[in-house]
Amino acid sequence: DQTALRHIENPSFGVFYKVHNYVVFTLIADKTYPLKLAAAFLDSLVAPFFDEVRTQFTAANYESKLETL
């Protein structure tokens, strides 16, 4: 699943990330940070990010712009 939460562990911190339409949303936090909270935070970033992308690029071609980045 492309939008599933993924987690990379480190001795002192955790890297949580989700991939959505060619974009990786990342959270670096203490390794004990709750997975559900990390997922909720990252989910809260997706819609506003893509709203801004649609504003900056036309709605018709924003996906092709993201592919080329």
PDB file of N, CA and C in Angstrom:
ATOM      1  N   ASP A   1       0.840  -1.185   0.000  1.00  0.00           N
ATOM      2  CA  ASP A   1       0.000   0.000   0.000  1.00  0.00           C
ATOM      3  C   ASP A   1       0.881   1.242   0.000  1.00  0.00           C
ATOM      4  N   GLN A   2       0.674   2.101  -0.962  1.00  0.00           N
ATOM      5  CA  GLN A   2       1.499   3.291  -1.130  1.00  0.00           C
ATOM      6  C   GLN A   2       1.374   4.253   0.047  1.00  0.00           C
ATOM      7  N   THR A   3       0.194   4.367   0.638  1.00  0.00           N
ATOM      8  CA  THR A   3      -0.014   5.357   1.693  1.00  0.00           C
ATOM      9  C   THR A   3       0.149   4.785   3.098  1.00  0.00           C
ATOM     10  N   ALA A   4       0.613   3.561   3.224  1.00  0.00           N
ATOM     11  CA  ALA A   4       0.808   2.958   4.539  1.00  0.00           C
ATOM     12  C   ALA A   4       1.949   3.649   5.281  1.00  0.00           C
ATOM     13  N   LEU A   5       1.807   3.762   6.583  1.00  0.00           N
ATOM     14  CA  LEU A   5       2.856   4.350   7.407  1.00  0.00           C
ATOM     15  C   LEU A   5       4.036   3.397   7.463  1.00  0.00           C
ATOM     16  N   ARG A   6       5.207   3.937   7.243  1.00  0.00           N
ATOM     17  CA  ARG A   6       6.442   3.160   7.348  1.00  0.00           C
ATOM     18  C   ARG A   6       7.297   3.791   8.438  1.00  0.00           C
ATOM     19  N   HIS A   7       8.156   2.982   9.027  1.00  0.00           N
ATOM     20  CA  HIS A   7       8.929   3.441  10.170  1.00  0.00           C
ATOM     21  C   HIS A   7      10.353   2.906  10.066  1.00  0.00           C
ATOM     22  N   ILE A   8      11.319   3.778  10.235  1.00  0.00           N
ATOM     23  CA  ILE A   8      12.729   3.386  10.280  1.00  0.00           C
ATOM     24  C   ILE A   8      13.213   3.663  11.691  1.00  0.00           C
ATOM     25  N   GLU A   9      13.719   2.645  12.348  1.00  0.00           N
ATOM     26  CA  GLU A   9      14.178   2.823  13.720  1.00  0.00           C
ATOM     27  C   GLU A   9      15.659   3.168  13.763  1.00  0.00           C
ATOM     28  N   ASN A  10      15.992   3.972  14.744  1.00  0.00           N
ATOM     29  CA  ASN A  10      17.344   4.400  15.020  1.00  0.00           C
ATOM     30  C   ASN A  10      17.484   4.323  16.532  1.00  0.00           C
ATOM     31  N   PRO A  11      18.686   4.169  17.076  1.00  0.00           N
ATOM     32  CA  PRO A  11      18.817   4.085  18.535  1.00  0.00           C
ATOM     33  C   PRO A  11      18.244   5.285  19.292  1.00  0.00           C
ATOM     34  N   SER A  12      18.251   6.475  18.697  1.00  0.00           N
ATOM     35  CA  SER A  12      17.784   7.655  19.431  1.00  0.00           C
ATOM     36  C   SER A  12      16.532   8.315  18.866  1.00  0.00           C
ATOM     37  N   PHE A  13      16.111   7.966  17.645  1.00  0.00           N
ATOM     38  CA  PHE A  13      14.916   8.585  17.077  1.00  0.00           C
ATOM     39  C   PHE A  13      14.288   7.653  16.058  1.00  0.00           C
ATOM     40  N   GLY A  14      13.077   7.995  15.664  1.00  0.00           N
ATOM     41  CA  GLY A  14      12.382   7.229  14.637  1.00  0.00           C
ATOM     42  C   GLY A  14      12.070   8.110  13.453  1.00  0.00           C
ATOM     43  N   VAL A  15      12.072   7.524  12.284  1.00  0.00           N
ATOM     44  CA  VAL A  15      11.679   8.222  11.067  1.00  0.00           C
ATOM     45  C   VAL A  15      10.396   7.557  10.583  1.00  0.00           C
ATOM     46  N   PHE A  16       9.332   8.330  10.558  1.00  0.00           N
ATOM     47  CA  PHE A  16       8.043   7.853  10.099  1.00  0.00           C
ATOM     48  C   PHE A  16       7.780   8.501   8.749  1.00  0.00           C
ATOM     49  N   TYR A  17       7.260   7.738   7.796  1.00  0.00           N
ATOM     50  CA  TYR A  17       6.980   8.356   6.504  1.00  0.00           C
ATOM     51  C   TYR A  17       5.855   7.651   5.772  1.00  0.00           C
ATOM     52  N   LYS A  18       5.221   8.419   4.883  1.00  0.00           N
ATOM     53  CA  LYS A  18       4.186   7.920   3.984  1.00  0.00           C
ATOM     54  C   LYS A  18       4.489   8.452   2.602  1.00  0.00           C
ATOM     55  N   VAL A  19       4.235   7.640   1.588  1.00  0.00           N
ATOM     56  CA  VAL A  19       4.412   8.056   0.204  1.00  0.00           C
ATOM     57  C   VAL A  19       3.025   8.227  -0.402  1.00  0.00           C
ATOM     58  N   HIS A  20       2.804   9.393  -1.012  1.00  0.00           N
ATOM     59  CA  HIS A  20       1.500   9.666  -1.626  1.00  0.00           C
ATOM     60  C   HIS A  20       1.721  10.455  -2.906  1.00  0.00           C
ATOM     61  N   ASN A  21       1.356   9.879  -4.036  1.00  0.00           N
ATOM     62  CA  ASN A  21       1.491  10.546  -5.341  1.00  0.00           C
ATOM     63  C   ASN A  21       2.875  11.166  -5.553  1.00  0.00           C
ATOM     64  N   TYR A  22       3.894  10.354  -5.452  1.00  0.00           N
ATOM     65  CA  TYR A  22       5.280  10.752  -5.721  1.00  0.00           C
ATOM     66  C   TYR A  22       5.898  11.633  -4.640  1.00  0.00           C
ATOM     67  N   VAL A  23       5.210  11.884  -3.552  1.00  0.00           N
ATOM     68  CA  VAL A  23       5.724  12.745  -2.489  1.00  0.00           C
ATOM     69  C   VAL A  23       5.893  11.914  -1.227  1.00  0.00           C
ATOM     70  N   VAL A  24       7.022  12.108  -0.554  1.00  0.00           N
ATOM     71  CA  VAL A  24       7.278  11.417   0.706  1.00  0.00           C
ATOM     72  C   VAL A  24       7.066  12.424   1.841  1.00  0.00           C
ATOM     73  N   PHE A  25       6.102  12.141   2.700  1.00  0.00           N
ATOM     74  CA  PHE A  25       5.828  12.965   3.869  1.00  0.00           C
ATOM     75  C   PHE A  25       6.556  12.318   5.040  1.00  0.00           C
ATOM     76  N   THR A  26       7.397  13.095   5.734  1.00  0.00           N
ATOM     77  CA  THR A  26       8.310  12.538   6.730  1.00  0.00           C
ATOM     78  C   THR A  26       8.165  13.226   8.080  1.00  0.00           C
ATOM     79  N   LEU A  27       8.282  12.427   9.127  1.00  0.00           N
ATOM     80  CA  LEU A  27       8.296  12.930  10.498  1.00  0.00           C
ATOM     81  C   LEU A  27       9.470  12.269  11.207  1.00  0.00           C
ATOM     82  N   ILE A  28      10.329  13.079  11.795  1.00  0.00           N
ATOM     83  CA  ILE A  28      11.431  12.567  12.610  1.00  0.00           C
ATOM     84  C   ILE A  28      11.088  12.919  14.052  1.00  0.00           C
ATOM     85  N   ALA A  29      11.023  11.904  14.890  1.00  0.00           N
ATOM     86  CA  ALA A  29      10.597  12.111  16.280  1.00  0.00           C
ATOM     87  C   ALA A  29      11.325  11.133  17.192  1.00  0.00           C
ATOM     88  N   ASP A  30      11.113  11.307  18.467  1.00  0.00           N
ATOM     89  CA  ASP A  30      11.644  10.364  19.444  1.00  0.00           C
ATOM     90  C   ASP A  30      11.184   8.961  19.072  1.00  0.00           C
ATOM     91  N   LYS A  31      12.039   7.980  19.329  1.00  0.00           N
ATOM     92  CA  LYS A  31      11.703   6.612  18.906  1.00  0.00           C
ATOM     93  C   LYS A  31      10.487   6.047  19.618  1.00  0.00           C
ATOM     94  N   THR A  32      10.062   6.658  20.720  1.00  0.00           N
ATOM     95  CA  THR A  32       8.883   6.190  21.437  1.00  0.00           C
ATOM     96  C   THR A  32       7.603   6.907  20.990  1.00  0.00           C
ATOM     97  N   TYR A  33       7.696   7.762  19.990  1.00  0.00           N
ATOM     98  CA  TYR A  33       6.535   8.502  19.490  1.00  0.00           C
ATOM     99  C   TYR A  33       5.481   7.504  19.030  1.00  0.00           C
ATOM    100  N   PRO A  34       4.226   7.673  19.428  1.00  0.00           N
ATOM    101  CA  PRO A  34       3.178   6.707  19.080  1.00  0.00           C
ATOM    102  C   PRO A  34       2.924   6.626  17.572  1.00  0.00           C
ATOM    103  N   LEU A  35       2.834   5.421  17.049  1.00  0.00           N
ATOM    104  CA  LEU A  35       2.614   5.228  15.612  1.00  0.00           C
ATOM    105  C   LEU A  35       1.303   5.846  15.139  1.00  0.00           C
ATOM    106  N   LYS A  36       0.242   5.709  15.937  1.00  0.00           N
ATOM    107  CA  LYS A  36      -1.051   6.279  15.531  1.00  0.00           C
ATOM    108  C   LYS A  36      -0.977   7.797  15.431  1.00  0.00           C
ATOM    109  N   LEU A  37      -0.266   8.421  16.340  1.00  0.00           N
ATOM    110  CA  LEU A  37      -0.124   9.871  16.312  1.00  0.00           C
ATOM    111  C   LEU A  37       0.729  10.304  15.112  1.00  0.00           C
ATOM    112  N   ALA A  38       1.776   9.548  14.821  1.00  0.00           N
ATOM    113  CA  ALA A  38       2.605   9.838  13.652  1.00  0.00           C
ATOM    114  C   ALA A  38       1.779   9.718  12.373  1.00  0.00           C
ATOM    115  N   ALA A  39       0.973   8.687  12.276  1.00  0.00           N
ATOM    116  CA  ALA A  39       0.129   8.493  11.097  1.00  0.00           C
ATOM    117  C   ALA A  39      -0.880   9.625  10.964  1.00  0.00           C
ATOM    118  N   ALA A  40      -1.494  10.023  12.061  1.00  0.00           N
ATOM    119  CA  ALA A  40      -2.481  11.105  12.026  1.00  0.00           C
ATOM    120  C   ALA A  40      -1.833  12.424  11.616  1.00  0.00           C
ATOM    121  N   PHE A  41      -0.646  12.696  12.142  1.00  0.00           N
ATOM    122  CA  PHE A  41       0.055  13.925  11.787  1.00  0.00           C
ATOM    123  C   PHE A  41       0.393  13.948  10.297  1.00  0.00           C
ATOM    124  N   LEU A  42       0.955  12.861   9.800  1.00  0.00           N
ATOM    125  CA  LEU A  42       1.317  12.810   8.380  1.00  0.00           C
ATOM    126  C   LEU A  42       0.082  12.890   7.496  1.00  0.00           C
ATOM    127  N   ASP A  43      -0.997  12.234   7.893  1.00  0.00           N
ATOM    128  CA  ASP A  43      -2.250  12.324   7.134  1.00  0.00           C
ATOM    129  C   ASP A  43      -2.754  13.761   7.076  1.00  0.00           C
ATOM    130  N   SER A  44      -2.539  14.517   8.146  1.00  0.00           N
ATOM    131  CA  SER A  44      -3.019  15.900   8.180  1.00  0.00           C
ATOM    132  C   SER A  44      -2.228  16.813   7.241  1.00  0.00           C
ATOM    133  N   LEU A  45      -1.085  16.366   6.770  1.00  0.00           N
ATOM    134  CA  LEU A  45      -0.270  17.165   5.850  1.00  0.00           C
ATOM    135  C   LEU A  45      -0.630  16.953   4.388  1.00  0.00           C
ATOM    136  N   VAL A  46      -1.166  15.804   4.057  1.00  0.00           N
ATOM    137  CA  VAL A  46      -1.369  15.424   2.654  1.00  0.00           C
ATOM    138  C   VAL A  46      -2.328  16.363   1.926  1.00  0.00           C
ATOM    139  N   ALA A  47      -3.536  16.528   2.434  1.00  0.00           N
ATOM    140  CA  ALA A  47      -4.544  17.337   1.738  1.00  0.00           C
ATOM    141  C   ALA A  47      -4.106  18.795   1.576  1.00  0.00           C
ATOM    142  N   PRO A  48      -3.625  19.465   2.633  1.00  0.00           N
ATOM    143  CA  PRO A  48      -3.192  20.858   2.450  1.00  0.00           C
ATOM    144  C   PRO A  48      -2.023  20.987   1.471  1.00  0.00           C
ATOM    145  N   PHE A  49      -1.120  20.018   1.493  1.00  0.00           N
ATOM    146  CA  PHE A  49       0.007  20.063   0.559  1.00  0.00           C
ATOM    147  C   PHE A  49      -0.491  20.012  -0.883  1.00  0.00           C
ATOM    148  N   PHE A  50      -1.370  19.057  -1.177  1.00  0.00           N
ATOM    149  CA  PHE A  50      -1.856  18.927  -2.547  1.00  0.00           C
ATOM    150  C   PHE A  50      -2.787  20.073  -2.939  1.00  0.00           C
ATOM    151  N   ASP A  51      -3.481  20.663  -1.983  1.00  0.00           N
ATOM    152  CA  ASP A  51      -4.263  21.870  -2.279  1.00  0.00           C
ATOM    153  C   ASP A  51      -3.342  22.995  -2.733  1.00  0.00           C
ATOM    154  N   GLU A  52      -2.225  23.152  -2.048  1.00  0.00           N
ATOM    155  CA  GLU A  52      -1.257  24.194  -2.424  1.00  0.00           C
ATOM    156  C   GLU A  52      -0.615  23.893  -3.771  1.00  0.00           C
ATOM    157  N   VAL A  53      -0.298  22.637  -4.018  1.00  0.00           N
ATOM    158  CA  VAL A  53       0.274  22.259  -5.310  1.00  0.00           C
ATOM    159  C   VAL A  53      -0.710  22.578  -6.436  1.00  0.00           C
ATOM    160  N   ARG A  54      -1.981  22.267  -6.225  1.00  0.00           N
ATOM    161  CA  ARG A  54      -2.994  22.577  -7.245  1.00  0.00           C
ATOM    162  C   ARG A  54      -3.120  24.077  -7.464  1.00  0.00           C
ATOM    163  N   THR A  55      -2.877  24.875  -6.424  1.00  0.00           N
ATOM    164  CA  THR A  55      -2.924  26.329  -6.550  1.00  0.00           C
ATOM    165  C   THR A  55      -1.725  26.842  -7.353  1.00  0.00           C
ATOM    166  N   GLN A  56      -0.555  26.281  -7.080  1.00  0.00           N
ATOM    167  CA  GLN A  56       0.665  26.723  -7.755  1.00  0.00           C
ATOM    168  C   GLN A  56       0.728  26.260  -9.202  1.00  0.00           C
ATOM    169  N   PHE A  57       0.287  25.050  -9.449  1.00  0.00           N
ATOM    170  CA  PHE A  57       0.238  24.489 -10.799  1.00  0.00           C
ATOM    171  C   PHE A  57      -1.239  24.325 -11.147  1.00  0.00           C
ATOM    172  N   THR A  58      -1.546  24.180 -12.383  1.00  0.00           N
ATOM    173  CA  THR A  58      -2.957  23.963 -12.726  1.00  0.00           C
ATOM    174  C   THR A  58      -3.381  22.580 -12.254  1.00  0.00           C
ATOM    175  N   ALA A  59      -4.644  22.467 -11.940  1.00  0.00           N
ATOM    176  CA  ALA A  59      -5.172  21.188 -11.450  1.00  0.00           C
ATOM    177  C   ALA A  59      -4.982  20.086 -12.475  1.00  0.00           C
ATOM    178  N   ALA A  60      -4.956  20.452 -13.746  1.00  0.00           N
ATOM    179  CA  ALA A  60      -4.852  19.447 -14.808  1.00  0.00           C
ATOM    180  C   ALA A  60      -3.460  18.840 -14.901  1.00  0.00           C
ATOM    181  N   ASN A  61      -2.418  19.583 -14.529  1.00  0.00           N
ATOM    182  CA  ASN A  61      -1.077  19.045 -14.756  1.00  0.00           C
ATOM    183  C   ASN A  61      -0.201  18.944 -13.505  1.00  0.00           C
ATOM    184  N   TYR A  62      -0.774  19.072 -12.327  1.00  0.00           N
ATOM    185  CA  TYR A  62       0.072  19.037 -11.135  1.00  0.00           C
ATOM    186  C   TYR A  62       0.757  17.687 -10.949  1.00  0.00           C
ATOM    187  N   GLU A  63       0.099  16.589 -11.303  1.00  0.00           N
ATOM    188  CA  GLU A  63       0.727  15.275 -11.140  1.00  0.00           C
ATOM    189  C   GLU A  63       1.946  15.132 -12.044  1.00  0.00           C
ATOM    190  N   SER A  64       1.868  15.621 -13.267  1.00  0.00           N
ATOM    191  CA  SER A  64       3.023  15.536 -14.154  1.00  0.00           C
ATOM    192  C   SER A  64       4.161  16.424 -13.638  1.00  0.00           C
ATOM    193  N   LYS A  65       3.839  17.549 -13.025  1.00  0.00           N
ATOM    194  CA  LYS A  65       4.879  18.406 -12.422  1.00  0.00           C
ATOM    195  C   LYS A  65       5.578  17.669 -11.273  1.00  0.00           C
ATOM    196  N   LEU A  66       4.810  16.980 -10.443  1.00  0.00           N
ATOM    197  CA  LEU A  66       5.400  16.237  -9.334  1.00  0.00           C
ATOM    198  C   LEU A  66       6.267  15.083  -9.835  1.00  0.00           C
ATOM    199  N   GLU A  67       5.846  14.435 -10.902  1.00  0.00           N
ATOM    200  CA  GLU A  67       6.636  13.342 -11.456  1.00  0.00           C
ATOM    201  C   GLU A  67       8.005  13.820 -11.906  1.00  0.00           C
ATOM    202  N   THR A  68       8.082  15.025 -12.446  1.00  0.00           N
ATOM    203  CA  THR A  68       9.350  15.529 -12.989  1.00  0.00           C
ATOM    204  C   THR A  68      10.280  16.084 -11.911  1.00  0.00           C
ATOM    205  N   LEU A  69       9.746  16.354 -10.722  1.00  0.00           N
ATOM    206  CA  LEU A  69      10.603  16.889  -9.652  1.00  0.00           C
ATOM    207  C   LEU A  69      11.507  15.837  -9.156  1.00  0.00           C
TER     208      LEU A  69
END
